PDB file of N, CA and C in Angstrom:
ATOM      1  N   MET A   1     -48.548   6.959 -12.949  1.00  0.00           N
ATOM      2  CA  MET A   1     -47.002   8.033 -12.673  1.00  0.00           C
ATOM      3  C   MET A   1     -45.977   7.304 -13.729  1.00  0.00           C
ATOM      4  N   THR A   2     -45.410   8.062 -14.282  1.00  0.00           N
ATOM      5  CA  THR A   2     -44.359   7.290 -15.413  1.00  0.00           C
ATOM      6  C   THR A   2     -42.791   7.209 -14.518  1.00  0.00           C
ATOM      7  N   ASP A   3     -42.248   6.008 -14.331  1.00  0.00           N
ATOM      8  CA  ASP A   3     -40.650   5.653 -13.790  1.00  0.00           C
ATOM      9  C   ASP A   3     -39.569   6.401 -14.449  1.00  0.00           C
ATOM     10  N   PHE A   4     -38.728   7.145 -13.841  1.00  0.00           N
ATOM     11  CA  PHE A   4     -37.822   8.170 -13.871  1.00  0.00           C
ATOM     12  C   PHE A   4     -36.559   7.198 -14.477  1.00  0.00           C
ATOM     13  N   ALA A   5     -35.688   7.127 -15.110  1.00  0.00           N
ATOM     14  CA  ALA A   5     -34.576   7.014 -15.364  1.00  0.00           C
ATOM     15  C   ALA A   5     -33.214   7.717 -15.474  1.00  0.00           C
ATOM     16  N   LEU A   6     -32.016   7.222 -15.176  1.00  0.00           N
ATOM     17  CA  LEU A   6     -31.149   8.343 -15.103  1.00  0.00           C
ATOM     18  C   LEU A   6     -29.822   7.838 -16.095  1.00  0.00           C
ATOM     19  N   ILE A   7     -29.641   8.011 -17.395  1.00  0.00           N
ATOM     20  CA  ILE A   7     -28.565   7.206 -18.009  1.00  0.00           C
ATOM     21  C   ILE A   7     -27.660   7.993 -17.877  1.00  0.00           C
ATOM     22  N   ILE A   8     -26.504   7.708 -17.281  1.00  0.00           N
ATOM     23  CA  ILE A   8     -25.200   8.271 -17.330  1.00  0.00           C
ATOM     24  C   ILE A   8     -23.814   7.677 -17.934  1.00  0.00           C
ATOM     25  N   GLU A   9     -23.973   8.055 -19.454  1.00  0.00           N
ATOM     26  CA  GLU A   9     -23.037   7.408 -20.242  1.00  0.00           C
ATOM     27  C   GLU A   9     -22.453   8.514 -21.291  1.00  0.00           C
ATOM     28  N   ASP A  10     -21.473   8.537 -21.701  1.00  0.00           N
ATOM     29  CA  ASP A  10     -20.940   9.332 -22.217  1.00  0.00           C
ATOM     30  C   ASP A  10     -20.870   9.140 -23.575  1.00  0.00           C
ATOM     31  N   ASP A  11     -21.000   8.350 -24.062  1.00  0.00           N
ATOM     32  CA  ASP A  11     -21.267   7.830 -25.598  1.00  0.00           C
ATOM     33  C   ASP A  11     -22.457   7.962 -25.973  1.00  0.00           C
ATOM     34  N   GLU A  12     -22.442   9.248 -26.866  1.00  0.00           N
ATOM     35  CA  GLU A  12     -23.500   9.773 -27.486  1.00  0.00           C
ATOM     36  C   GLU A  12     -24.525   8.830 -28.185  1.00  0.00           C
ATOM     37  N   ASP A  13     -24.196   8.015 -29.090  1.00  0.00           N
ATOM     38  CA  ASP A  13     -24.616   7.169 -29.636  1.00  0.00           C
ATOM     39  C   ASP A  13     -25.009   6.135 -28.903  1.00  0.00           C
ATOM     40  N   LEU A  14     -24.476   5.589 -27.996  1.00  0.00           N
ATOM     41  CA  LEU A  14     -25.117   4.652 -26.782  1.00  0.00           C
ATOM     42  C   LEU A  14     -25.793   5.434 -25.889  1.00  0.00           C
ATOM     43  N   SER A  15     -25.738   6.697 -25.558  1.00  0.00           N
ATOM     44  CA  SER A  15     -26.652   6.732 -24.867  1.00  0.00           C
ATOM     45  C   SER A  15     -28.303   7.202 -25.528  1.00  0.00           C
ATOM     46  N   GLU A  16     -28.111   7.457 -26.361  1.00  0.00           N
ATOM     47  CA  GLU A  16     -29.462   7.666 -27.251  1.00  0.00           C
ATOM     48  C   GLU A  16     -30.000   6.294 -27.737  1.00  0.00           C
ATOM     49  N   ILE A  17     -29.510   4.922 -27.888  1.00  0.00           N
ATOM     50  CA  ILE A  17     -29.798   3.476 -27.812  1.00  0.00           C
ATOM     51  C   ILE A  17     -30.390   3.290 -26.642  1.00  0.00           C
ATOM     52  N   PHE A  18     -29.693   3.680 -25.329  1.00  0.00           N
ATOM     53  CA  PHE A  18     -30.474   2.862 -24.002  1.00  0.00           C
ATOM     54  C   PHE A  18     -31.246   3.952 -23.748  1.00  0.00           C
ATOM     55  N   GLY A  19     -31.442   5.452 -24.246  1.00  0.00           N
ATOM     56  CA  GLY A  19     -32.861   6.282 -23.795  1.00  0.00           C
ATOM     57  C   GLY A  19     -33.796   5.486 -24.619  1.00  0.00           C
ATOM     58  N   GLN A  20     -34.227   4.942 -25.921  1.00  0.00           N
ATOM     59  CA  GLN A  20     -35.118   4.592 -26.442  1.00  0.00           C
ATOM     60  C   GLN A  20     -35.095   3.264 -26.148  1.00  0.00           C
ATOM     61  N   ALA A  21     -34.264   2.594 -25.513  1.00  0.00           N
ATOM     62  CA  ALA A  21     -34.611   1.555 -24.629  1.00  0.00           C
ATOM     63  C   ALA A  21     -35.454   1.370 -23.792  1.00  0.00           C
ATOM     64  N   LEU A  22     -35.202   2.779 -22.714  1.00  0.00           N
ATOM     65  CA  LEU A  22     -35.963   2.800 -21.271  1.00  0.00           C
ATOM     66  C   LEU A  22     -37.240   3.263 -21.839  1.00  0.00           C
ATOM     67  N   ALA A  23     -36.906   4.262 -22.877  1.00  0.00           N
ATOM     68  CA  ALA A  23     -38.401   4.986 -23.229  1.00  0.00           C
ATOM     69  C   ALA A  23     -39.684   3.938 -23.993  1.00  0.00           C
ATOM     70  N   ALA A  24     -38.644   3.225 -24.041  1.00  0.00           N
ATOM     71  CA  ALA A  24     -39.886   1.924 -24.860  1.00  0.00           C
ATOM     72  C   ALA A  24     -40.440   1.182 -23.903  1.00  0.00           C
ATOM     73  N   ALA A  25     -39.611   0.814 -22.592  1.00  0.00           N
ATOM     74  CA  ALA A  25     -40.170   0.234 -21.407  1.00  0.00           C
ATOM     75  C   ALA A  25     -41.028   1.359 -20.603  1.00  0.00           C
ATOM     76  N   ASN A  26     -41.362   2.346 -20.822  1.00  0.00           N
ATOM     77  CA  ASN A  26     -42.426   3.077 -20.307  1.00  0.00           C
ATOM     78  C   ASN A  26     -41.345   4.072 -19.526  1.00  0.00           C
ATOM     79  N   PHE A  27     -40.108   4.579 -19.103  1.00  0.00           N
ATOM     80  CA  PHE A  27     -39.697   5.166 -18.698  1.00  0.00           C
ATOM     81  C   PHE A  27     -39.802   6.880 -19.202  1.00  0.00           C
ATOM     82  N   SER A  28     -39.392   7.597 -18.152  1.00  0.00           N
ATOM     83  CA  SER A  28     -39.315   9.272 -18.752  1.00  0.00           C
ATOM     84  C   SER A  28     -37.775   8.726 -18.525  1.00  0.00           C
ATOM     85  N   ILE A  29     -36.740   9.883 -19.037  1.00  0.00           N
ATOM     86  CA  ILE A  29     -35.657   9.612 -19.518  1.00  0.00           C
ATOM     87  C   ILE A  29     -34.751  10.820 -19.203  1.00  0.00           C
ATOM     88  N   GLU A  30     -33.506  10.737 -18.537  1.00  0.00           N
ATOM     89  CA  GLU A  30     -32.423  11.826 -18.426  1.00  0.00           C
ATOM     90  C   GLU A  30     -31.208  11.271 -18.874  1.00  0.00           C
ATOM     91  N   VAL A  31     -30.312  11.855 -19.700  1.00  0.00           N
ATOM     92  CA  VAL A  31     -29.202  11.583 -20.306  1.00  0.00           C
ATOM     93  C   VAL A  31     -28.450  12.586 -19.564  1.00  0.00           C
ATOM     94  N   ILE A  32     -26.954  12.209 -18.937  1.00  0.00           N
ATOM     95  CA  ILE A  32     -26.023  12.677 -18.386  1.00  0.00           C
ATOM     96  C   ILE A  32     -24.580  12.083 -18.934  1.00  0.00           C
ATOM     97  N   ARG A  33     -24.038  13.022 -19.633  1.00  0.00           N
ATOM     98  CA  ARG A  33     -22.659  12.588 -20.147  1.00  0.00           C
ATOM     99  C   ARG A  33     -20.921  12.625 -19.363  1.00  0.00           C
ATOM    100  N   ASP A  34     -21.768  13.152 -18.084  1.00  0.00           N
ATOM    101  CA  ASP A  34     -20.548  13.796 -17.311  1.00  0.00           C
ATOM    102  C   ASP A  34     -20.179  13.261 -16.412  1.00  0.00           C
ATOM    103  N   GLY A  35     -19.815  12.708 -15.892  1.00  0.00           N
ATOM    104  CA  GLY A  35     -19.407  11.921 -14.198  1.00  0.00           C
ATOM    105  C   GLY A  35     -19.822  13.067 -13.374  1.00  0.00           C
ATOM    106  N   ALA A  36     -19.176  14.446 -13.141  1.00  0.00           N
ATOM    107  CA  ALA A  36     -19.206  15.499 -12.048  1.00  0.00           C
ATOM    108  C   ALA A  36     -20.922  15.960 -12.440  1.00  0.00           C
ATOM    109  N   ILE A  37     -21.139  16.196 -13.143  1.00  0.00           N
ATOM    110  CA  ILE A  37     -22.577  16.427 -13.487  1.00  0.00           C
ATOM    111  C   ILE A  37     -23.508  15.608 -13.195  1.00  0.00           C
ATOM    112  N   ALA A  38     -23.720  14.392 -13.477  1.00  0.00           N
ATOM    113  CA  ALA A  38     -23.897  13.386 -12.716  1.00  0.00           C
ATOM    114  C   ALA A  38     -24.224  13.355 -11.036  1.00  0.00           C
ATOM    115  N   GLN A  39     -23.141  13.360 -10.515  1.00  0.00           N
ATOM    116  CA  GLN A  39     -22.784  13.711  -9.013  1.00  0.00           C
ATOM    117  C   GLN A  39     -23.888  14.598  -8.652  1.00  0.00           C
ATOM    118  N   GLN A  40     -23.798  15.605  -9.512  1.00  0.00           N
ATOM    119  CA  GLN A  40     -24.389  16.877  -8.832  1.00  0.00           C
ATOM    120  C   GLN A  40     -26.359  16.506  -9.097  1.00  0.00           C
ATOM    121  N   ARG A  41     -26.639  15.790  -9.919  1.00  0.00           N
ATOM    122  CA  ARG A  41     -27.990  15.835 -10.451  1.00  0.00           C
ATOM    123  C   ARG A  41     -28.381  14.939  -9.160  1.00  0.00           C
ATOM    124  N   LEU A  42     -27.979  13.918  -9.081  1.00  0.00           N
ATOM    125  CA  LEU A  42     -28.044  12.878  -8.260  1.00  0.00           C
ATOM    126  C   LEU A  42     -28.091  13.214  -6.455  1.00  0.00           C
ATOM    127  N   LYS A  43     -28.018  14.253  -6.575  1.00  0.00           N
ATOM    128  CA  LYS A  43     -28.192  14.820  -4.989  1.00  0.00           C
ATOM    129  C   LYS A  43     -29.726  15.278  -5.413  1.00  0.00           C
ATOM    130  N   GLU A  44     -30.155  15.862  -6.391  1.00  0.00           N
ATOM    131  CA  GLU A  44     -31.583  16.139  -6.696  1.00  0.00           C
ATOM    132  C   GLU A  44     -32.771  15.015  -6.911  1.00  0.00           C
ATOM    133  N   VAL A  45     -32.205  14.230  -7.573  1.00  0.00           N
ATOM    134  CA  VAL A  45     -33.618  12.709  -7.890  1.00  0.00           C
ATOM    135  C   VAL A  45     -33.171  11.790  -7.510  1.00  0.00           C
ATOM    136  N   GLU A  46     -34.768  11.216  -7.609  1.00  0.00           N
ATOM    137  CA  GLU A  46     -34.198   9.908  -7.042  1.00  0.00           C
ATOM    138  C   GLU A  46     -34.735   9.097  -8.105  1.00  0.00           C
ATOM    139  N   PRO A  47     -34.060   8.608  -9.224  1.00  0.00           N
ATOM    140  CA  PRO A  47     -34.606   7.326 -10.285  1.00  0.00           C
ATOM    141  C   PRO A  47     -34.809   6.186  -9.565  1.00  0.00           C
ATOM    142  N   THR A  48     -35.839   5.562 -10.550  1.00  0.00           N
ATOM    143  CA  THR A  48     -36.135   4.172 -10.467  1.00  0.00           C
ATOM    144  C   THR A  48     -34.892   3.475 -10.835  1.00  0.00           C
ATOM    145  N   VAL A  49     -34.443   3.649 -12.077  1.00  0.00           N
ATOM    146  CA  VAL A  49     -33.086   3.242 -12.706  1.00  0.00           C
ATOM    147  C   VAL A  49     -32.050   3.909 -12.747  1.00  0.00           C
ATOM    148  N   ILE A  50     -30.894   3.194 -12.791  1.00  0.00           N
ATOM    149  CA  ILE A  50     -29.732   4.535 -13.243  1.00  0.00           C
ATOM    150  C   ILE A  50     -28.995   3.231 -14.055  1.00  0.00           C
ATOM    151  N   VAL A  51     -28.703   3.943 -15.485  1.00  0.00           N
ATOM    152  CA  VAL A  51     -28.129   3.054 -16.460  1.00  0.00           C
ATOM    153  C   VAL A  51     -26.412   3.931 -16.167  1.00  0.00           C
ATOM    154  N   LEU A  52     -25.753   2.957 -16.056  1.00  0.00           N
ATOM    155  CA  LEU A  52     -24.157   3.834 -15.171  1.00  0.00           C
ATOM    156  C   LEU A  52     -22.657   3.220 -16.367  1.00  0.00           C
ATOM    157  N   ASP A  53     -22.360   4.143 -16.816  1.00  0.00           N
ATOM    158  CA  ASP A  53     -20.944   3.858 -17.550  1.00  0.00           C
ATOM    159  C   ASP A  53     -19.843   3.909 -16.348  1.00  0.00           C
ATOM    160  N   MET A  54     -18.992   3.021 -16.745  1.00  0.00           N
ATOM    161  CA  MET A  54     -17.916   2.849 -15.665  1.00  0.00           C
ATOM    162  C   MET A  54     -16.604   4.154 -16.215  1.00  0.00           C
ATOM    163  N   HIS A  55     -16.458   4.023 -17.612  1.00  0.00           N
ATOM    164  CA  HIS A  55     -15.389   5.298 -17.922  1.00  0.00           C
ATOM    165  C   HIS A  55     -16.007   6.498 -18.461  1.00  0.00           C
ATOM    166  N   LEU A  56     -16.200   7.581 -17.375  1.00  0.00           N
ATOM    167  CA  LEU A  56     -16.982   8.795 -17.581  1.00  0.00           C
ATOM    168  C   LEU A  56     -15.714   9.941 -17.507  1.00  0.00           C
ATOM    169  N   PRO A  57     -16.100  10.998 -17.821  1.00  0.00           N
ATOM    170  CA  PRO A  57     -15.385  12.186 -17.975  1.00  0.00           C
ATOM    171  C   PRO A  57     -15.756  12.860 -16.201  1.00  0.00           C
ATOM    172  N   HIS A  58     -14.035  13.575 -15.349  1.00  0.00           N
ATOM    173  CA  HIS A  58     -14.568  13.960 -14.425  1.00  0.00           C
ATOM    174  C   HIS A  58     -14.408  12.974 -13.142  1.00  0.00           C
ATOM    175  N   VAL A  59     -15.460  11.966 -13.293  1.00  0.00           N
ATOM    176  CA  VAL A  59     -15.848  11.537 -12.040  1.00  0.00           C
ATOM    177  C   VAL A  59     -16.166   9.869 -12.390  1.00  0.00           C
ATOM    178  N   SER A  60     -15.485   9.004 -12.119  1.00  0.00           N
ATOM    179  CA  SER A  60     -15.618   7.324 -12.476  1.00  0.00           C
ATOM    180  C   SER A  60     -17.170   6.994 -12.209  1.00  0.00           C
ATOM    181  N   GLY A  61     -17.485   6.301 -12.933  1.00  0.00           N
ATOM    182  CA  GLY A  61     -18.806   5.318 -12.723  1.00  0.00           C
ATOM    183  C   GLY A  61     -18.592   4.624 -11.354  1.00  0.00           C
ATOM    184  N   ASP A  62     -17.504   4.099 -11.070  1.00  0.00           N
ATOM    185  CA  ASP A  62     -17.330   3.287 -10.050  1.00  0.00           C
ATOM    186  C   ASP A  62     -17.369   4.361  -8.647  1.00  0.00           C
ATOM    187  N   ILE A  63     -17.022   5.282  -8.576  1.00  0.00           N
ATOM    188  CA  ILE A  63     -16.945   6.150  -7.492  1.00  0.00           C
ATOM    189  C   ILE A  63     -18.538   6.782  -7.381  1.00  0.00           C
ATOM    190  N   LEU A  64     -19.263   6.967  -8.699  1.00  0.00           N
ATOM    191  CA  LEU A  64     -20.468   7.494  -8.603  1.00  0.00           C
ATOM    192  C   LEU A  64     -21.788   6.003  -7.940  1.00  0.00           C
ATOM    193  N   LEU A  65     -21.080   4.636  -8.645  1.00  0.00           N
ATOM    194  CA  LEU A  65     -21.722   3.610  -8.012  1.00  0.00           C
ATOM    195  C   LEU A  65     -21.627   3.365  -5.897  1.00  0.00           C
ATOM    196  N   LYS A  66     -21.002   3.990  -5.838  1.00  0.00           N
ATOM    197  CA  LYS A  66     -20.469   3.982  -4.747  1.00  0.00           C
ATOM    198  C   LYS A  66     -20.913   4.855  -3.477  1.00  0.00           C
ATOM    199  N   GLN A  67     -21.299   6.080  -4.170  1.00  0.00           N
ATOM    200  CA  GLN A  67     -21.986   7.331  -3.736  1.00  0.00           C
ATOM    201  C   GLN A  67     -23.511   6.965  -3.674  1.00  0.00           C
ATOM    202  N   ILE A  68     -23.895   6.267  -4.682  1.00  0.00           N
ATOM    203  CA  ILE A  68     -25.225   6.059  -5.063  1.00  0.00           C
ATOM    204  C   ILE A  68     -25.567   4.904  -3.891  1.00  0.00           C
ATOM    205  N   ARG A  69     -24.654   3.858  -3.424  1.00  0.00           N
ATOM    206  CA  ARG A  69     -25.053   2.869  -2.765  1.00  0.00           C
ATOM    207  C   ARG A  69     -25.037   3.796  -1.194  1.00  0.00           C
ATOM    208  N   GLU A  70     -24.027   4.903  -0.758  1.00  0.00           N
ATOM    209  CA  GLU A  70     -24.531   5.383   0.353  1.00  0.00           C
ATOM    210  C   GLU A  70     -25.315   6.307   0.384  1.00  0.00           C
ATOM    211  N   ASP A  71     -26.046   6.529  -0.296  1.00  0.00           N
ATOM    212  CA  ASP A  71     -27.131   7.699  -0.335  1.00  0.00           C
ATOM    213  C   ASP A  71     -28.303   6.978   0.055  1.00  0.00           C
ATOM    214  N   LYS A  72     -28.960   7.159   1.086  1.00  0.00           N
ATOM    215  CA  LYS A  72     -30.151   6.570   1.793  1.00  0.00           C
ATOM    216  C   LYS A  72     -31.514   6.651   0.907  1.00  0.00           C
ATOM    217  N   ARG A  73     -31.277   8.111  -0.099  1.00  0.00           N
ATOM    218  CA  ARG A  73     -32.705   8.188  -0.584  1.00  0.00           C
ATOM    219  C   ARG A  73     -32.710   7.363  -2.030  1.00  0.00           C
ATOM    220  N   LEU A  74     -31.356   6.805  -2.176  1.00  0.00           N
ATOM    221  CA  LEU A  74     -31.689   5.755  -3.547  1.00  0.00           C
ATOM    222  C   LEU A  74     -31.570   4.504  -3.245  1.00  0.00           C
ATOM    223  N   ASP A  75     -32.107   3.989  -1.836  1.00  0.00           N
ATOM    224  CA  ASP A  75     -32.066   2.581  -1.990  1.00  0.00           C
ATOM    225  C   ASP A  75     -32.514   1.530  -2.567  1.00  0.00           C
ATOM    226  N   LYS A  76     -33.857   2.362  -3.167  1.00  0.00           N
ATOM    227  CA  LYS A  76     -34.686   1.581  -4.009  1.00  0.00           C
ATOM    228  C   LYS A  76     -34.159   1.564  -5.396  1.00  0.00           C
ATOM    229  N   THR A  77     -33.195   2.409  -6.020  1.00  0.00           N
ATOM    230  CA  THR A  77     -32.744   2.185  -7.136  1.00  0.00           C
ATOM    231  C   THR A  77     -32.213   1.396  -7.412  1.00  0.00           C
ATOM    232  N   ASN A  78     -32.595   0.968  -8.854  1.00  0.00           N
ATOM    233  CA  ASN A  78     -31.804  -0.376  -9.345  1.00  0.00           C
ATOM    234  C   ASN A  78     -31.068   0.675  -9.956  1.00  0.00           C
ATOM    235  N   VAL A  79     -29.390  -0.274  -9.878  1.00  0.00           N
ATOM    236  CA  VAL A  79     -28.519   0.383 -10.750  1.00  0.00           C
ATOM    237  C   VAL A  79     -27.860  -0.635 -11.508  1.00  0.00           C
ATOM    238  N   VAL A  80     -28.138  -0.451 -13.151  1.00  0.00           N
ATOM    239  CA  VAL A  80     -27.381  -1.071 -14.307  1.00  0.00           C
ATOM    240  C   VAL A  80     -26.453  -0.936 -14.808  1.00  0.00           C
ATOM    241  N   VAL A  81     -24.996  -1.303 -14.552  1.00  0.00           N
ATOM    242  CA  VAL A  81     -23.271  -1.069 -14.991  1.00  0.00           C
ATOM    243  C   VAL A  81     -23.607  -1.202 -16.093  1.00  0.00           C
ATOM    244  N   ALA A  82     -23.647  -0.558 -17.112  1.00  0.00           N
ATOM    245  CA  ALA A  82     -23.197  -0.945 -18.349  1.00  0.00           C
ATOM    246  C   ALA A  82     -21.674  -0.310 -18.521  1.00  0.00           C
ATOM    247  N   THR A  83     -20.537  -1.401 -19.013  1.00  0.00           N
ATOM    248  CA  THR A  83     -19.579  -1.111 -19.415  1.00  0.00           C
ATOM    249  C   THR A  83     -18.602  -1.940 -20.335  1.00  0.00           C
ATOM    250  N   ALA A  84     -18.102  -1.727 -20.840  1.00  0.00           N
ATOM    251  CA  ALA A  84     -17.167  -2.511 -22.173  1.00  0.00           C
ATOM    252  C   ALA A  84     -15.941  -3.124 -21.420  1.00  0.00           C
ATOM    253  N   ASP A  85     -15.741  -2.617 -19.823  1.00  0.00           N
ATOM    254  CA  ASP A  85     -14.130  -3.139 -19.205  1.00  0.00           C
ATOM    255  C   ASP A  85     -14.911  -4.387 -18.699  1.00  0.00           C
ATOM    256  N   ALA A  86     -14.677  -5.461 -18.711  1.00  0.00           N
ATOM    257  CA  ALA A  86     -15.253  -6.734 -17.801  1.00  0.00           C
ATOM    258  C   ALA A  86     -14.272  -6.964 -16.383  1.00  0.00           C
ATOM    259  N   GLN A  87     -13.151  -6.351 -16.764  1.00  0.00           N
ATOM    260  CA  GLN A  87     -12.910  -6.151 -15.289  1.00  0.00           C
ATOM    261  C   GLN A  87     -13.106  -5.206 -14.488  1.00  0.00           C
ATOM    262  N   MET A  88     -13.655  -4.468 -14.636  1.00  0.00           N
ATOM    263  CA  MET A  88     -14.221  -3.609 -13.995  1.00  0.00           C
ATOM    264  C   MET A  88     -15.626  -3.821 -13.572  1.00  0.00           C
ATOM    265  N   GLY A  89     -16.506  -4.332 -14.747  1.00  0.00           N
ATOM    266  CA  GLY A  89     -17.396  -4.590 -14.531  1.00  0.00           C
ATOM    267  C   GLY A  89     -17.494  -5.731 -13.050  1.00  0.00           C
ATOM    268  N   GLU A  90     -16.735  -7.100 -13.401  1.00  0.00           N
ATOM    269  CA  GLU A  90     -16.927  -8.019 -12.059  1.00  0.00           C
ATOM    270  C   GLU A  90     -16.223  -6.926 -10.872  1.00  0.00           C
ATOM    271  N   ALA A  91     -15.462  -6.086 -10.852  1.00  0.00           N
ATOM    272  CA  ALA A  91     -15.463  -5.541  -9.737  1.00  0.00           C
ATOM    273  C   ALA A  91     -16.147  -4.767  -8.993  1.00  0.00           C
ATOM    274  N   VAL A  92     -16.993  -4.456  -9.956  1.00  0.00           N
ATOM    275  CA  VAL A  92     -18.387  -3.858  -9.076  1.00  0.00           C
ATOM    276  C   VAL A  92     -20.049  -4.431  -8.792  1.00  0.00           C
ATOM    277  N   ARG A  93     -19.737  -6.021  -9.617  1.00  0.00           N
ATOM    278  CA  ARG A  93     -20.573  -6.851  -9.629  1.00  0.00           C
ATOM    279  C   ARG A  93     -21.738  -7.008  -8.079  1.00  0.00           C
ATOM    280  N   ASP A  94     -20.947  -6.892  -6.935  1.00  0.00           N
ATOM    281  CA  ASP A  94     -21.326  -7.148  -5.885  1.00  0.00           C
ATOM    282  C   ASP A  94     -22.043  -5.733  -5.476  1.00  0.00           C
ATOM    283  N   ILE A  95     -21.823  -4.666  -5.780  1.00  0.00           N
ATOM    284  CA  ILE A  95     -22.683  -3.411  -5.387  1.00  0.00           C
ATOM    285  C   ILE A  95     -23.554  -3.021  -6.299  1.00  0.00           C
ATOM    286  N   ALA A  96     -23.314  -3.602  -7.847  1.00  0.00           N
ATOM    287  CA  ALA A  96     -24.634  -3.022  -8.697  1.00  0.00           C
ATOM    288  C   ALA A  96     -25.324  -4.220  -8.891  1.00  0.00           C
ATOM    289  N   ASP A  97     -27.165  -4.006  -9.439  1.00  0.00           N
ATOM    290  CA  ASP A  97     -27.738  -4.561  -9.015  1.00  0.00           C
ATOM    291  C   ASP A  97     -27.793  -5.587 -10.653  1.00  0.00           C
ATOM    292  N   PHE A  98     -27.558  -5.270 -11.431  1.00  0.00           N
ATOM    293  CA  PHE A  98     -26.686  -5.941 -12.880  1.00  0.00           C
ATOM    294  C   PHE A  98     -25.311  -5.247 -13.556  1.00  0.00           C
ATOM    295  N   VAL A  99     -25.145  -6.230 -14.086  1.00  0.00           N
ATOM    296  CA  VAL A  99     -23.746  -5.511 -14.870  1.00  0.00           C
ATOM    297  C   VAL A  99     -24.158  -6.329 -16.374  1.00  0.00           C
ATOM    298  N   LEU A 100     -23.920  -4.994 -17.085  1.00  0.00           N
ATOM    299  CA  LEU A 100     -23.819  -5.723 -18.773  1.00  0.00           C
ATOM    300  C   LEU A 100     -22.956  -5.186 -19.053  1.00  0.00           C
ATOM    301  N   ILE A 101     -22.432  -6.407 -20.201  1.00  0.00           N
ATOM    302  CA  ILE A 101     -20.848  -5.952 -20.556  1.00  0.00           C
ATOM    303  C   ILE A 101     -21.254  -5.649 -22.212  1.00  0.00           C
ATOM    304  N   LYS A 102     -20.351  -4.476 -22.552  1.00  0.00           N
ATOM    305  CA  LYS A 102     -21.258  -3.918 -23.676  1.00  0.00           C
ATOM    306  C   LYS A 102     -20.732  -4.772 -25.215  1.00  0.00           C
ATOM    307  N   PRO A 103     -21.184  -4.947 -26.332  1.00  0.00           N
ATOM    308  CA  PRO A 103     -22.055  -4.380 -26.514  1.00  0.00           C
ATOM    309  C   PRO A 103     -23.348  -4.455 -26.039  1.00  0.00           C
ATOM    310  N   ILE A 104     -24.671  -3.846 -25.637  1.00  0.00           N
ATOM    311  CA  ILE A 104     -25.496  -3.984 -24.997  1.00  0.00           C
ATOM    312  C   ILE A 104     -26.646  -3.575 -26.163  1.00  0.00           C
ATOM    313  N   THR A 105     -27.813  -4.725 -26.167  1.00  0.00           N
ATOM    314  CA  THR A 105     -28.891  -4.514 -27.395  1.00  0.00           C
ATOM    315  C   THR A 105     -29.421  -3.582 -26.781  1.00  0.00           C
ATOM    316  N   PHE A 106     -30.147  -2.747 -27.772  1.00  0.00           N
ATOM    317  CA  PHE A 106     -31.739  -2.260 -27.474  1.00  0.00           C
ATOM    318  C   PHE A 106     -32.781  -3.128 -26.586  1.00  0.00           C
ATOM    319  N   THR A 107     -33.065  -4.533 -27.426  1.00  0.00           N
ATOM    320  CA  THR A 107     -33.713  -5.201 -26.437  1.00  0.00           C
ATOM    321  C   THR A 107     -33.341  -6.139 -25.195  1.00  0.00           C
ATOM    322  N   GLN A 108     -31.875  -6.242 -25.427  1.00  0.00           N
ATOM    323  CA  GLN A 108     -31.264  -6.709 -23.699  1.00  0.00           C
ATOM    324  C   GLN A 108     -31.542  -5.806 -22.516  1.00  0.00           C
ATOM    325  N   LEU A 109     -31.560  -4.507 -23.209  1.00  0.00           N
ATOM    326  CA  LEU A 109     -31.575  -3.266 -21.968  1.00  0.00           C
ATOM    327  C   LEU A 109     -33.136  -2.671 -21.948  1.00  0.00           C
ATOM    328  N   ARG A 110     -33.706  -3.037 -23.313  1.00  0.00           N
ATOM    329  CA  ARG A 110     -35.288  -2.339 -22.666  1.00  0.00           C
ATOM    330  C   ARG A 110     -36.176  -3.832 -21.756  1.00  0.00           C
ATOM    331  N   ASP A 111     -35.847  -5.255 -22.091  1.00  0.00           N
ATOM    332  CA  ASP A 111     -36.594  -6.516 -21.195  1.00  0.00           C
ATOM    333  C   ASP A 111     -36.357  -6.255 -20.057  1.00  0.00           C
ATOM    334  N   LEU A 112     -34.817  -5.869 -19.848  1.00  0.00           N
ATOM    335  CA  LEU A 112     -34.034  -5.944 -18.074  1.00  0.00           C
ATOM    336  C   LEU A 112     -35.069  -4.540 -17.368  1.00  0.00           C
ATOM    337  N   THR A 113     -34.801  -3.677 -18.012  1.00  0.00           N
ATOM    338  CA  THR A 113     -35.853  -2.738 -17.413  1.00  0.00           C
ATOM    339  C   THR A 113     -37.133  -2.746 -17.219  1.00  0.00           C
ATOM    340  N   SER A 114     -37.658  -3.600 -18.053  1.00  0.00           N
ATOM    341  CA  SER A 114     -38.891  -3.842 -18.004  1.00  0.00           C
ATOM    342  C   SER A 114     -39.353  -4.454 -16.808  1.00  0.00           C
ATOM    343  N   ARG A 115     -38.589  -5.602 -16.532  1.00  0.00           N
ATOM    344  CA  ARG A 115     -39.073  -6.643 -15.425  1.00  0.00           C
ATOM    345  C   ARG A 115     -38.806  -5.667 -14.220  1.00  0.00           C
ATOM    346  N   LEU A 116     -37.582  -4.932 -14.212  1.00  0.00           N
ATOM    347  CA  LEU A 116     -36.967  -4.221 -13.020  1.00  0.00           C
ATOM    348  C   LEU A 116     -38.376  -3.053 -12.866  1.00  0.00           C
ATOM    349  N   ARG A 117     -38.957  -2.696 -13.268  1.00  0.00           N
ATOM    350  CA  ARG A 117     -40.544  -1.544 -13.043  1.00  0.00           C
ATOM    351  C   ARG A 117     -41.357  -2.856 -12.668  1.00  0.00           C
ATOM    352  N   GLN A 118     -41.537  -4.058 -13.159  1.00  0.00           N
ATOM    353  CA  GLN A 118     -42.973  -5.083 -12.736  1.00  0.00           C
ATOM    354  C   GLN A 118     -42.489  -5.678 -11.235  1.00  0.00           C
ATOM    355  N   SER A 119     -40.817  -5.479 -11.011  1.00  0.00           N
ATOM    356  CA  SER A 119     -40.620  -6.008  -9.842  1.00  0.00           C
ATOM    357  C   SER A 119     -40.668  -5.199  -8.606  1.00  0.00           C
ATOM    358  N   LYS A 120     -41.072  -3.802  -8.659  1.00  0.00           N
ATOM    359  CA  LYS A 120     -41.271  -2.935  -7.766  1.00  0.00           C
ATOM    360  C   LYS A 120     -42.223  -3.399  -6.874  1.00  0.00           C
TER     361      LYS A 120
END
């Protein structure tokens, strides 16, 4: 069974790179570029990993992160926050599994998510 990763990132280029990195780590992927759409989709799926940007249209990443943590179905989901905002990254460090400050390389994300799959 393939693990499922949800990439919630509004930057098209970054979401493409993140998607390629997670595909290389053997995840099936879905990309969402809008916080409100992500909010709805998270009610329907149970991803192994979520790569979450903090600055999203309509619903911000920090609100989504809190909702993910409050959802018992998503207890085992690893959340990797990917943000260029170091201050916001620091603010959510205690509730995210990992905080990566952009720029994030393909190799960095691929290797991290590969380790997350192996540690399940």
